[in-house]
PDB file of N, CA and C in Angstrom:
ATOM      1  N   MET A   1       0.853  -1.172   0.000  1.00  0.00           N
ATOM      2  CA  MET A   1       0.000   0.000   0.000  1.00  0.00           C
ATOM      3  C   MET A   1       0.902   1.240   0.000  1.00  0.00           C
ATOM      4  N   GLN A   2       0.562   2.177  -0.850  1.00  0.00           N
ATOM      5  CA  GLN A   2       1.308   3.428  -0.948  1.00  0.00           C
ATOM      6  C   GLN A   2       1.021   4.323   0.258  1.00  0.00           C
ATOM      7  N   ALA A   3       1.927   5.259   0.502  1.00  0.00           N
ATOM      8  CA  ALA A   3       1.744   6.195   1.619  1.00  0.00           C
ATOM      9  C   ALA A   3       0.442   6.974   1.466  1.00  0.00           C
ATOM     10  N   SER A   4       0.118   7.386   0.240  1.00  0.00           N
ATOM     11  CA  SER A   4      -1.118   8.145   0.024  1.00  0.00           C
ATOM     12  C   SER A   4      -2.350   7.304   0.365  1.00  0.00           C
ATOM     13  N   GLU A   5      -2.270   6.003   0.113  1.00  0.00           N
ATOM     14  CA  GLU A   5      -3.381   5.123   0.455  1.00  0.00           C
ATOM     15  C   GLU A   5      -3.485   4.921   1.969  1.00  0.00           C
ATOM     16  N   HIS A   6      -2.362   4.910   2.658  1.00  0.00           N
ATOM     17  CA  HIS A   6      -2.385   4.822   4.124  1.00  0.00           C
ATOM     18  C   HIS A   6      -3.070   6.053   4.721  1.00  0.00           C
ATOM     19  N   HIS A   7      -2.756   7.224   4.170  1.00  0.00           N
ATOM     20  CA  HIS A   7      -3.376   8.462   4.650  1.00  0.00           C
ATOM     21  C   HIS A   7      -4.880   8.452   4.352  1.00  0.00           C
ATOM     22  N   LEU A   8      -5.226   7.967   3.180  1.00  0.00           N
ATOM     23  CA  LEU A   8      -6.638   7.871   2.810  1.00  0.00           C
ATOM     24  C   LEU A   8      -7.366   6.900   3.735  1.00  0.00           C
ATOM     25  N   LEU A   9      -6.739   5.787   4.044  1.00  0.00           N
ATOM     26  CA  LEU A   9      -7.333   4.814   4.960  1.00  0.00           C
ATOM     27  C   LEU A   9      -7.604   5.460   6.319  1.00  0.00           C
ATOM     28  N   ALA A  10      -6.655   6.211   6.830  1.00  0.00           N
ATOM     29  CA  ALA A  10      -6.843   6.891   8.118  1.00  0.00           C
ATOM     30  C   ALA A  10      -7.998   7.886   8.048  1.00  0.00           C
ATOM     31  N   ALA A  11      -8.091   8.630   6.952  1.00  0.00           N
ATOM     32  CA  ALA A  11      -9.174   9.604   6.797  1.00  0.00           C
ATOM     33  C   ALA A  11     -10.534   8.910   6.699  1.00  0.00           C
ATOM     34  N   LEU A  12     -10.585   7.790   5.992  1.00  0.00           N
ATOM     35  CA  LEU A  12     -11.836   7.037   5.877  1.00  0.00           C
ATOM     36  C   LEU A  12     -12.245   6.444   7.226  1.00  0.00           C
ATOM     37  N   ARG A  13     -11.283   6.014   8.016  1.00  0.00           N
ATOM     38  CA  ARG A  13     -11.590   5.500   9.357  1.00  0.00           C
ATOM     39  C   ARG A  13     -12.111   6.628  10.249  1.00  0.00           C
ATOM     40  N   ASP A  14     -11.516   7.819  10.119  1.00  0.00           N
ATOM     41  CA  ASP A  14     -11.999   8.971  10.884  1.00  0.00           C
ATOM     42  C   ASP A  14     -13.453   9.285  10.526  1.00  0.00           C
ATOM     43  N   LEU A  15     -13.754   9.270   9.240  1.00  0.00           N
ATOM     44  CA  LEU A  15     -15.120   9.527   8.787  1.00  0.00           C
ATOM     45  C   LEU A  15     -16.065   8.456   9.316  1.00  0.00           C
ATOM     46  N   ASP A  16     -15.659   7.205   9.223  1.00  0.00           N
ATOM     47  CA  ASP A  16     -16.487   6.103   9.701  1.00  0.00           C
ATOM     48  C   ASP A  16     -16.799   6.264  11.186  1.00  0.00           C
ATOM     49  N   SER A  17     -15.793   6.605  11.968  1.00  0.00           N
ATOM     50  CA  SER A  17     -15.999   6.812  13.411  1.00  0.00           C
ATOM     51  C   SER A  17     -16.943   7.977  13.682  1.00  0.00           C
ATOM     52  N   ALA A  18     -16.763   9.054  12.943  1.00  0.00           N
ATOM     53  CA  ALA A  18     -17.614  10.231  13.134  1.00  0.00           C
ATOM     54  C   ALA A  18     -19.061   9.923  12.775  1.00  0.00           C
ATOM     55  N   VAL A  19     -19.271   9.207  11.690  1.00  0.00           N
ATOM     56  CA  VAL A  19     -20.634   8.859  11.279  1.00  0.00           C
ATOM     57  C   VAL A  19     -21.281   7.948  12.312  1.00  0.00           C
ATOM     58  N   LYS A  20     -20.518   6.998  12.827  1.00  0.00           N
ATOM     59  CA  LYS A  20     -21.068   6.086  13.835  1.00  0.00           C
ATOM     60  C   LYS A  20     -21.413   6.802  15.135  1.00  0.00           C
ATOM     61  N   SER A  21     -20.762   7.922  15.384  1.00  0.00           N
ATOM     62  CA  SER A  21     -21.026   8.657  16.623  1.00  0.00           C
ATOM     63  C   SER A  21     -22.169   9.658  16.497  1.00  0.00           C
ATOM     64  N   LEU A  22     -22.733   9.823  15.317  1.00  0.00           N
ATOM     65  CA  LEU A  22     -23.770  10.831  15.100  1.00  0.00           C
ATOM     66  C   LEU A  22     -24.963  10.677  16.037  1.00  0.00           C
ATOM     67  N   ARG A  23     -25.344   9.458  16.328  1.00  0.00           N
ATOM     68  CA  ARG A  23     -26.539   9.224  17.157  1.00  0.00           C
ATOM     69  C   ARG A  23     -26.316   9.546  18.623  1.00  0.00           C
ATOM     70  N   THR A  24     -25.072   9.515  19.061  1.00  0.00           N
ATOM     71  CA  THR A  24     -24.815   9.651  20.490  1.00  0.00           C
ATOM     72  C   THR A  24     -24.037  10.910  20.854  1.00  0.00           C
ATOM     73  N   THR A  25     -23.515  11.622  19.879  1.00  0.00           N
ATOM     74  CA  THR A  25     -22.687  12.783  20.163  1.00  0.00           C
ATOM     75  C   THR A  25     -23.501  14.059  20.062  1.00  0.00           C
ATOM     76  N   ASN A  26     -23.322  14.913  21.069  1.00  0.00           N
ATOM     77  CA  ASN A  26     -23.987  16.203  21.050  1.00  0.00           C
ATOM     78  C   ASN A  26     -22.977  17.242  21.523  1.00  0.00           C
ATOM     79  N   PRO A  27     -22.629  18.209  20.730  1.00  0.00           N
ATOM     80  CA  PRO A  27     -23.151  18.494  19.401  1.00  0.00           C
ATOM     81  C   PRO A  27     -22.615  17.508  18.369  1.00  0.00           C
ATOM     82  N   MET A  28     -23.343  17.406  17.292  1.00  0.00           N
ATOM     83  CA  MET A  28     -22.950  16.491  16.228  1.00  0.00           C
ATOM     84  C   MET A  28     -21.633  16.945  15.612  1.00  0.00           C
ATOM     85  N   PRO A  29     -20.786  15.981  15.228  1.00  0.00           N
ATOM     86  CA  PRO A  29     -19.507  16.345  14.627  1.00  0.00           C
ATOM     87  C   PRO A  29     -19.711  16.966  13.244  1.00  0.00           C
ATOM     88  N   ASN A  30     -18.811  17.851  12.888  1.00  0.00           N
ATOM     89  CA  ASN A  30     -18.828  18.476  11.571  1.00  0.00           C
ATOM     90  C   ASN A  30     -18.107  17.539  10.600  1.00  0.00           C
ATOM     91  N   LEU A  31     -18.841  16.979   9.662  1.00  0.00           N
ATOM     92  CA  LEU A  31     -18.271  16.016   8.720  1.00  0.00           C
ATOM     93  C   LEU A  31     -17.599  16.688   7.520  1.00  0.00           C
ATOM     94  N   LEU A  32     -17.895  17.946   7.281  1.00  0.00           N
ATOM     95  CA  LEU A  32     -17.357  18.617   6.092  1.00  0.00           C
ATOM     96  C   LEU A  32     -15.831  18.594   6.018  1.00  0.00           C
ATOM     97  N   PRO A  33     -15.113  18.853   7.107  1.00  0.00           N
ATOM     98  CA  PRO A  33     -13.654  18.774   7.014  1.00  0.00           C
ATOM     99  C   PRO A  33     -13.158  17.362   6.678  1.00  0.00           C
ATOM    100  N   LEU A  34     -13.883  16.355   7.137  1.00  0.00           N
ATOM    101  CA  LEU A  34     -13.498  14.980   6.830  1.00  0.00           C
ATOM    102  C   LEU A  34     -13.681  14.687   5.343  1.00  0.00           C
ATOM    103  N   PHE A  35     -14.809  15.134   4.787  1.00  0.00           N
ATOM    104  CA  PHE A  35     -15.028  14.950   3.356  1.00  0.00           C
ATOM    105  C   PHE A  35     -13.993  15.727   2.539  1.00  0.00           C
ATOM    106  N   SER A  36     -13.662  16.922   2.982  1.00  0.00           N
ATOM    107  CA  SER A  36     -12.651  17.730   2.280  1.00  0.00           C
ATOM    108  C   SER A  36     -11.296  17.043   2.300  1.00  0.00           C
ATOM    109  N   ARG A  37     -10.949  16.478   3.443  1.00  0.00           N
ATOM    110  CA  ARG A  37      -9.671  15.773   3.567  1.00  0.00           C
ATOM    111  C   ARG A  37      -9.628  14.564   2.638  1.00  0.00           C
ATOM    112  N   ILE A  38     -10.710  13.812   2.574  1.00  0.00           N
ATOM    113  CA  ILE A  38     -10.776  12.649   1.691  1.00  0.00           C
ATOM    114  C   ILE A  38     -10.651  13.086   0.242  1.00  0.00           C
ATOM    115  N   ASP A  39     -11.330  14.159  -0.144  1.00  0.00           N
ATOM    116  CA  ASP A  39     -11.225  14.674  -1.513  1.00  0.00           C
ATOM    117  C   ASP A  39      -9.791  15.087  -1.833  1.00  0.00           C
ATOM    118  N   GLU A  40      -9.155  15.741  -0.870  1.00  0.00           N
ATOM    119  CA  GLU A  40      -7.770  16.183  -1.053  1.00  0.00           C
ATOM    120  C   GLU A  40      -6.835  14.982  -1.240  1.00  0.00           C
ATOM    121  N   LEU A  41      -7.012  13.974  -0.416  1.00  0.00           N
ATOM    122  CA  LEU A  41      -6.182  12.780  -0.521  1.00  0.00           C
ATOM    123  C   LEU A  41      -6.471  12.006  -1.801  1.00  0.00           C
ATOM    124  N   ALA A  42      -7.725  11.960  -2.199  1.00  0.00           N
ATOM    125  CA  ALA A  42      -8.099  11.260  -3.437  1.00  0.00           C
ATOM    126  C   ALA A  42      -7.448  11.920  -4.649  1.00  0.00           C
ATOM    127  N   ALA A  43      -7.364  13.239  -4.626  1.00  0.00           N
ATOM    128  CA  ALA A  43      -6.739  13.956  -5.738  1.00  0.00           C
ATOM    129  C   ALA A  43      -5.251  13.634  -5.835  1.00  0.00           C
ATOM    130  N   GLY A  44      -4.649  13.224  -4.730  1.00  0.00           N
ATOM    131  CA  GLY A  44      -3.230  12.919  -4.719  1.00  0.00           C
ATOM    132  C   GLY A  44      -2.896  11.464  -4.992  1.00  0.00           C
ATOM    133  N   LEU A  45      -3.907  10.630  -5.225  1.00  0.00           N
ATOM    134  CA  LEU A  45      -3.626   9.226  -5.530  1.00  0.00           C
ATOM    135  C   LEU A  45      -2.932   9.130  -6.878  1.00  0.00           C
ATOM    136  N   SER A  46      -1.969   8.254  -6.945  1.00  0.00           N
ATOM    137  CA  SER A  46      -1.214   8.110  -8.194  1.00  0.00           C
ATOM    138  C   SER A  46      -1.925   7.164  -9.148  1.00  0.00           C
ATOM    139  N   GLY A  47      -1.448   7.154 -10.364  1.00  0.00           N
ATOM    140  CA  GLY A  47      -1.983   6.238 -11.368  1.00  0.00           C
ATOM    141  C   GLY A  47      -1.668   4.788 -11.044  1.00  0.00           C
ATOM    142  N   GLN A  48      -0.844   4.568 -10.016  1.00  0.00           N
ATOM    143  CA  GLN A  48      -0.497   3.208  -9.610  1.00  0.00           C
ATOM    144  C   GLN A  48      -1.532   2.624  -8.647  1.00  0.00           C
ATOM    145  N   SER A  49      -2.461   3.442  -8.198  1.00  0.00           N
ATOM    146  CA  SER A  49      -3.507   2.942  -7.305  1.00  0.00           C
ATOM    147  C   SER A  49      -4.425   2.011  -8.082  1.00  0.00           C
ATOM    148  N   ASP A  50      -4.971   1.058  -7.382  1.00  0.00           N
ATOM    149  CA  ASP A  50      -5.852   0.079  -8.008  1.00  0.00           C
ATOM    150  C   ASP A  50      -7.065   0.776  -8.618  1.00  0.00           C
ATOM    151  N   PRO A  51      -7.436   0.415  -9.833  1.00  0.00           N
ATOM    152  CA  PRO A  51      -8.602   1.039 -10.481  1.00  0.00           C
ATOM    153  C   PRO A  51      -9.895   0.868  -9.684  1.00  0.00           C
ATOM    154  N   GLN A  52     -10.033  -0.248  -8.974  1.00  0.00           N
ATOM    155  CA  GLN A  52     -11.252  -0.461  -8.183  1.00  0.00           C
ATOM    156  C   GLN A  52     -11.325   0.542  -7.033  1.00  0.00           C
ATOM    157  N   LEU A  53     -10.198   0.792  -6.378  1.00  0.00           N
ATOM    158  CA  LEU A  53     -10.160   1.789  -5.318  1.00  0.00           C
ATOM    159  C   LEU A  53     -10.503   3.161  -5.876  1.00  0.00           C
ATOM    160  N   LEU A  54      -9.909   3.512  -6.994  1.00  0.00           N
ATOM    161  CA  LEU A  54     -10.194   4.810  -7.616  1.00  0.00           C
ATOM    162  C   LEU A  54     -11.670   4.925  -7.967  1.00  0.00           C
ATOM    163  N   HIS A  55     -12.249   3.849  -8.442  1.00  0.00           N
ATOM    164  CA  HIS A  55     -13.676   3.834  -8.773  1.00  0.00           C
ATOM    165  C   HIS A  55     -14.515   4.126  -7.531  1.00  0.00           C
ATOM    166  N   PHE A  56     -14.221   3.440  -6.430  1.00  0.00           N
ATOM    167  CA  PHE A  56     -14.972   3.658  -5.194  1.00  0.00           C
ATOM    168  C   PHE A  56     -14.843   5.105  -4.716  1.00  0.00           C
ATOM    169  N   ILE A  57     -13.642   5.624  -4.745  1.00  0.00           N
ATOM    170  CA  ILE A  57     -13.410   6.991  -4.276  1.00  0.00           C
ATOM    171  C   ILE A  57     -14.116   8.005  -5.169  1.00  0.00           C
ATOM    172  N   HIS A  58     -14.015   7.855  -6.463  1.00  0.00           N
ATOM    173  CA  HIS A  58     -14.647   8.821  -7.369  1.00  0.00           C
ATOM    174  C   HIS A  58     -16.166   8.752  -7.319  1.00  0.00           C
ATOM    175  N   ARG A  59     -16.715   7.598  -6.972  1.00  0.00           N
ATOM    176  CA  ARG A  59     -18.163   7.457  -6.846  1.00  0.00           C
ATOM    177  C   ARG A  59     -18.649   7.783  -5.435  1.00  0.00           C
ATOM    178  N   LYS A  60     -17.696   8.192  -4.559  1.00  0.00           N
ATOM    179  CA  LYS A  60     -18.008   8.537  -3.163  1.00  0.00           C
ATOM    180  C   LYS A  60     -18.539   7.326  -2.390  1.00  0.00           C
ATOM    181  N   SER A  61     -18.098   6.140  -2.797  1.00  0.00           N
ATOM    182  CA  SER A  61     -18.453   4.903  -2.090  1.00  0.00           C
ATOM    183  C   SER A  61     -17.399   4.669  -1.008  1.00  0.00           C
ATOM    184  N   TYR A  62     -17.441   5.520   0.009  1.00  0.00           N
ATOM    185  CA  TYR A  62     -16.386   5.529   1.012  1.00  0.00           C
ATOM    186  C   TYR A  62     -16.352   4.258   1.851  1.00  0.00           C
ATOM    187  N   GLU A  63     -17.500   3.687   2.139  1.00  0.00           N
ATOM    188  CA  GLU A  63     -17.520   2.445   2.911  1.00  0.00           C
ATOM    189  C   GLU A  63     -16.835   1.328   2.122  1.00  0.00           C
ATOM    190  N   LYS A  64     -17.104   1.267   0.830  1.00  0.00           N
ATOM    191  CA  LYS A  64     -16.466   0.250  -0.008  1.00  0.00           C
ATOM    192  C   LYS A  64     -14.966   0.511  -0.136  1.00  0.00           C
ATOM    193  N   ALA A  65     -14.581   1.769  -0.250  1.00  0.00           N
ATOM    194  CA  ALA A  65     -13.159   2.108  -0.317  1.00  0.00           C
ATOM    195  C   ALA A  65     -12.457   1.702   0.978  1.00  0.00           C
ATOM    196  N   LEU A  66     -13.117   1.930   2.103  1.00  0.00           N
ATOM    197  CA  LEU A  66     -12.555   1.544   3.397  1.00  0.00           C
ATOM    198  C   LEU A  66     -12.368   0.031   3.465  1.00  0.00           C
ATOM    199  N   LEU A  67     -13.378  -0.712   3.081  1.00  0.00           N
ATOM    200  CA  LEU A  67     -13.274  -2.169   3.086  1.00  0.00           C
ATOM    201  C   LEU A  67     -12.165  -2.640   2.142  1.00  0.00           C
ATOM    202  N   TRP A  68     -12.061  -2.016   0.982  1.00  0.00           N
ATOM    203  CA  TRP A  68     -11.022  -2.393   0.019  1.00  0.00           C
ATOM    204  C   TRP A  68      -9.636  -2.164   0.615  1.00  0.00           C
ATOM    205  N   LEU A  69      -9.428  -1.005   1.228  1.00  0.00           N
ATOM    206  CA  LEU A  69      -8.127  -0.685   1.808  1.00  0.00           C
ATOM    207  C   LEU A  69      -7.808  -1.569   3.017  1.00  0.00           C
ATOM    208  N   GLU A  70      -8.825  -2.023   3.717  1.00  0.00           N
ATOM    209  CA  GLU A  70      -8.619  -2.930   4.847  1.00  0.00           C
ATOM    210  C   GLU A  70      -8.517  -4.388   4.387  1.00  0.00           C
ATOM    211  N   GLU A  71      -8.515  -4.584   3.081  1.00  0.00           N
ATOM    212  CA  GLU A  71      -8.414  -5.916   2.463  1.00  0.00           C
ATOM    213  C   GLU A  71      -9.564  -6.830   2.884  1.00  0.00           C
ATOM    214  N   LYS A  72     -10.748  -6.231   2.986  1.00  0.00           N
ATOM    215  CA  LYS A  72     -11.965  -6.977   3.307  1.00  0.00           C
ATOM    216  C   LYS A  72     -12.879  -6.992   2.086  1.00  0.00           C
ATOM    217  N   THR A  73     -12.310  -7.301   0.942  1.00  0.00           N
ATOM    218  CA  THR A  73     -13.053  -7.214  -0.316  1.00  0.00           C
ATOM    219  C   THR A  73     -14.230  -8.178  -0.376  1.00  0.00           C
ATOM    220  N   ALA A  74     -14.178  -9.272   0.363  1.00  0.00           N
ATOM    221  CA  ALA A  74     -15.304 -10.208   0.366  1.00  0.00           C
ATOM    222  C   ALA A  74     -16.549  -9.576   0.976  1.00  0.00           C
ATOM    223  N   SER A  75     -16.369  -8.528   1.766  1.00  0.00           N
ATOM    224  CA  SER A  75     -17.501  -7.847   2.409  1.00  0.00           C
ATOM    225  C   SER A  75     -18.130  -6.775   1.527  1.00  0.00           C
ATOM    226  N   ILE A  76     -17.545  -6.517   0.376  1.00  0.00           N
ATOM    227  CA  ILE A  76     -18.065  -5.478  -0.514  1.00  0.00           C
ATOM    228  C   ILE A  76     -19.191  -6.070  -1.350  1.00  0.00           C
ATOM    229  N   THR A  77     -20.370  -5.494  -1.182  1.00  0.00           N
ATOM    230  CA  THR A  77     -21.505  -5.965  -1.969  1.00  0.00           C
ATOM    231  C   THR A  77     -21.656  -5.087  -3.208  1.00  0.00           C
ATOM    232  N   PRO A  78     -21.931  -5.708  -4.342  1.00  0.00           N
ATOM    233  CA  PRO A  78     -22.097  -4.922  -5.563  1.00  0.00           C
ATOM    234  C   PRO A  78     -23.322  -4.020  -5.476  1.00  0.00           C
ATOM    235  N   SER A  79     -23.254  -2.902  -6.167  1.00  0.00           N
ATOM    236  CA  SER A  79     -24.405  -2.000  -6.211  1.00  0.00           C
ATOM    237  C   SER A  79     -25.458  -2.588  -7.130  1.00  0.00           C
ATOM    238  N   ARG A  80     -26.630  -1.995  -7.058  1.00  0.00           N
ATOM    239  CA  ARG A  80     -27.732  -2.480  -7.907  1.00  0.00           C
ATOM    240  C   ARG A  80     -27.428  -2.315  -9.378  1.00  0.00           C
ATOM    241  N   CYS A  81     -26.673  -1.283  -9.709  1.00  0.00           N
ATOM    242  CA  CYS A  81     -26.376  -1.037 -11.118  1.00  0.00           C
ATOM    243  C   CYS A  81     -25.222  -1.912 -11.589  1.00  0.00           C
ATOM    244  N   GLY A  82     -24.545  -2.602 -10.658  1.00  0.00           N
ATOM    245  CA  GLY A  82     -23.468  -3.505 -11.027  1.00  0.00           C
ATOM    246  C   GLY A  82     -22.141  -2.821 -11.303  1.00  0.00           C
ATOM    247  N   GLU A  83     -22.059  -1.509 -11.067  1.00  0.00           N
ATOM    248  CA  GLU A  83     -20.827  -0.789 -11.357  1.00  0.00           C
ATOM    249  C   GLU A  83     -19.853  -0.820 -10.205  1.00  0.00           C
ATOM    250  N   ASP A  84     -20.288  -1.059  -8.990  1.00  0.00           N
ATOM    251  CA  ASP A  84     -19.379  -1.074  -7.830  1.00  0.00           C
ATOM    252  C   ASP A  84     -19.059  -2.488  -7.455  1.00  0.00           C
TER     253      ASP A  84
END
């Protein structure tokens, strides 16, 4: 895994944690900086990144991107349109 993918993995985990805390945290966390960070990191991914990962990131399928980076690809369910 490239350094940029490690940073992206950390950002996706941060987002996942923040989303999971929405029901119990008051005040609710601001997710916009997390999305901005993910967009920034996605823009820095090299052409050597796996096309499937790039597909997930560009389609904003962050949960699938997280599973892919954690090497849990068996847990990724295809979308209804069959593109993910």
